[in-house]
Amino acid sequence: QVHLVESGGGLVQTGGSLRLSCVASGRTFRTAIMGWFRQFVGKEREFVASIERDGGSTYYADSVKGRFDISMDSGAYTIHLQMNNLNPEDTAVYYCAYNGYALGPMPLNSDYRYWGQGTQVTVSS
């Protein structure tokens, strides 16, 4: 079992920045991949970014490339999502996700076994 706890959401103005964090605990593996998804009101949860723990490869959705940066603390199962140049279209609940092994970017909800509770990000115009 893996437990994920997100933090860092909040309210920010257009053009501002926020940094989300997620800590994984429990039965974690070196081969893991961790990611961020977001869910707009009335929409399916969608992929934002992911990072492989072994090797540090990162993957991004086209909509956030160049604005968001995913990183992982060395030797830990803590990831961060630095979100810059935010706009109202980024308003969503952001979820952290974990899977014990990585097979490329893994951008589907079904690719991940464990999920955090979500953190709200609101960008005002």
Protein backbone atom coordinates (compact mmCIF):
# COMPACT_ATOMS: atom_id res chain seq x y z
CA GLN A 1 0.00 0.00 0.00
CA VAL A 2 1.21 3.51 -0.85
CA HIS A 3 -0.17 6.68 0.69
CA LEU A 4 0.10 10.01 -1.14
CA VAL A 5 -0.31 13.44 0.41
CA GLU A 6 -0.40 16.57 -1.73
CA SER A 7 0.14 20.14 -0.63
CA GLY A 8 0.65 23.57 -2.14
CA GLY A 9 -2.61 24.36 -3.88
CA GLY A 10 -4.34 27.69 -3.53
CA LEU A 11 -5.47 30.87 -5.23
CA VAL A 12 -3.21 32.83 -7.54
CA GLN A 13 -3.65 35.58 -10.11
CA THR A 14 -3.11 35.12 -13.83
CA GLY A 15 0.58 35.02 -14.61
CA GLY A 16 1.47 33.87 -11.12
CA SER A 17 3.15 30.70 -9.88
CA LEU A 18 2.40 27.87 -7.49
CA ARG A 19 4.40 24.87 -6.38
CA LEU A 20 2.66 21.62 -5.57
CA SER A 21 4.28 18.85 -3.58
CA CYS A 22 3.42 15.21 -3.05
CA VAL A 23 4.93 12.80 -0.55
CA ALA A 24 4.58 9.06 -1.06
CA SER A 25 4.93 6.70 1.87
CA GLY A 26 4.48 2.99 2.42
CA ARG A 27 5.62 0.20 0.14
CA THR A 28 7.44 2.26 -2.47
CA PHE A 29 9.76 0.95 -5.17
CA ARG A 30 12.83 2.32 -6.94
CA THR A 31 11.21 1.49 -10.26
CA ALA A 32 8.26 3.77 -9.53
CA ILE A 33 6.79 6.52 -11.60
CA MET A 34 4.92 9.43 -10.05
CA GLY A 35 2.75 11.90 -11.82
CA TRP A 36 0.37 14.82 -11.67
CA PHE A 37 -3.10 14.85 -13.15
CA ARG A 38 -5.79 17.49 -13.01
CA GLN A 39 -9.52 17.48 -13.22
CA PHE A 40 -11.60 20.36 -14.48
CA VAL A 41 -15.19 20.69 -13.32
CA GLY A 42 -17.33 18.25 -15.23
CA LYS A 43 -14.38 16.70 -17.07
CA GLU A 44 -12.32 13.57 -16.88
CA ARG A 45 -9.04 13.69 -15.01
CA GLU A 46 -6.21 14.44 -17.44
CA PHE A 47 -2.46 13.93 -17.48
CA VAL A 48 -0.20 16.85 -16.61
CA ALA A 49 3.29 15.46 -16.04
CA SER A 50 5.17 12.42 -14.78
CA ILE A 51 8.64 11.51 -13.61
CA GLU A 52 10.43 8.19 -13.32
CA ARG A 53 12.23 7.69 -10.03
CA ASP A 54 14.95 5.54 -11.60
CA GLY A 55 16.68 7.82 -14.07
CA GLY A 56 14.50 10.88 -13.62
CA SER A 57 12.92 10.94 -17.09
CA THR A 58 10.12 13.49 -17.25
CA TYR A 59 7.05 13.77 -19.45
CA TYR A 60 4.60 16.61 -19.96
CA ALA A 61 1.24 17.26 -21.52
CA ASP A 62 1.51 19.67 -24.45
CA SER A 63 -0.72 22.16 -22.64
CA VAL A 64 1.83 22.69 -19.85
CA LYS A 65 5.17 22.29 -21.64
CA GLY A 66 7.42 25.26 -20.99
CA ARG A 67 5.29 26.46 -18.06
CA PHE A 68 5.28 23.54 -15.61
CA ASP A 69 8.25 21.65 -14.26
CA ILE A 70 8.09 18.32 -12.44
CA SER A 71 10.91 17.26 -10.16
CA MET A 72 11.70 14.64 -7.55
CA ASP A 73 13.77 14.98 -4.39
CA SER A 74 16.92 12.89 -4.58
CA GLY A 75 16.59 9.60 -2.74
CA ALA A 76 13.00 10.28 -1.76
CA TYR A 77 9.50 9.71 -3.01
CA THR A 78 8.58 13.35 -2.97
CA ILE A 79 7.70 15.14 -6.16
CA HIS A 80 7.00 18.75 -6.95
CA LEU A 81 5.16 20.53 -9.70
CA GLN A 82 6.36 24.07 -10.27
CA MET A 83 3.63 25.87 -12.18
CA ASN A 84 4.52 29.18 -13.80
CA ASN A 85 2.61 31.65 -15.93
CA LEU A 86 -0.69 30.27 -14.72
CA ASN A 87 -3.93 31.19 -16.42
CA PRO A 88 -7.60 30.60 -15.54
CA GLU A 89 -7.65 27.52 -17.81
CA ASP A 90 -5.30 25.86 -15.31
CA THR A 91 -7.95 26.04 -12.59
CA ALA A 92 -8.60 22.46 -11.49
CA VAL A 93 -8.13 19.92 -8.76
CA TYR A 94 -4.62 18.52 -9.06
CA TYR A 95 -3.94 14.92 -8.11
CA CYS A 96 -0.71 13.11 -7.39
CA ALA A 97 -0.42 9.55 -8.67
CA TYR A 98 1.96 6.64 -8.10
CA ASN A 99 2.70 3.36 -9.78
CA GLY A 100 5.33 0.84 -8.78
CA TYR A 101 6.87 0.56 -12.23
CA ALA A 102 7.32 2.84 -15.21
CA LEU A 103 6.65 2.08 -18.87
CA GLY A 104 7.29 5.40 -20.55
CA PRO A 105 5.20 8.50 -19.76
CA MET A 106 2.13 6.58 -18.59
CA PRO A 107 -0.42 9.35 -19.25
CA LEU A 108 -3.56 7.34 -18.52
CA ASN A 109 -5.49 7.28 -15.27
CA SER A 110 -5.47 3.49 -15.42
CA ASP A 111 -1.64 3.49 -15.48
CA TYR A 112 -1.51 4.43 -11.81
CA ARG A 113 -2.50 2.35 -8.84
CA TYR A 114 -2.45 4.95 -6.06
CA TRP A 115 -3.82 8.47 -5.89
CA GLY A 116 -3.71 11.40 -3.54
CA GLN A 117 -6.76 13.23 -2.29
CA GLY A 118 -6.28 16.19 -4.62
CA THR A 119 -5.49 19.85 -4.07
CA GLN A 120 -7.40 22.76 -5.53
CA VAL A 121 -5.62 25.27 -7.76
CA THR A 122 -7.59 28.37 -8.67
CA VAL A 123 -6.27 31.02 -11.04
CA SER A 124 -8.17 34.31 -11.06
CA SER A 125 -8.30 36.59 -14.08
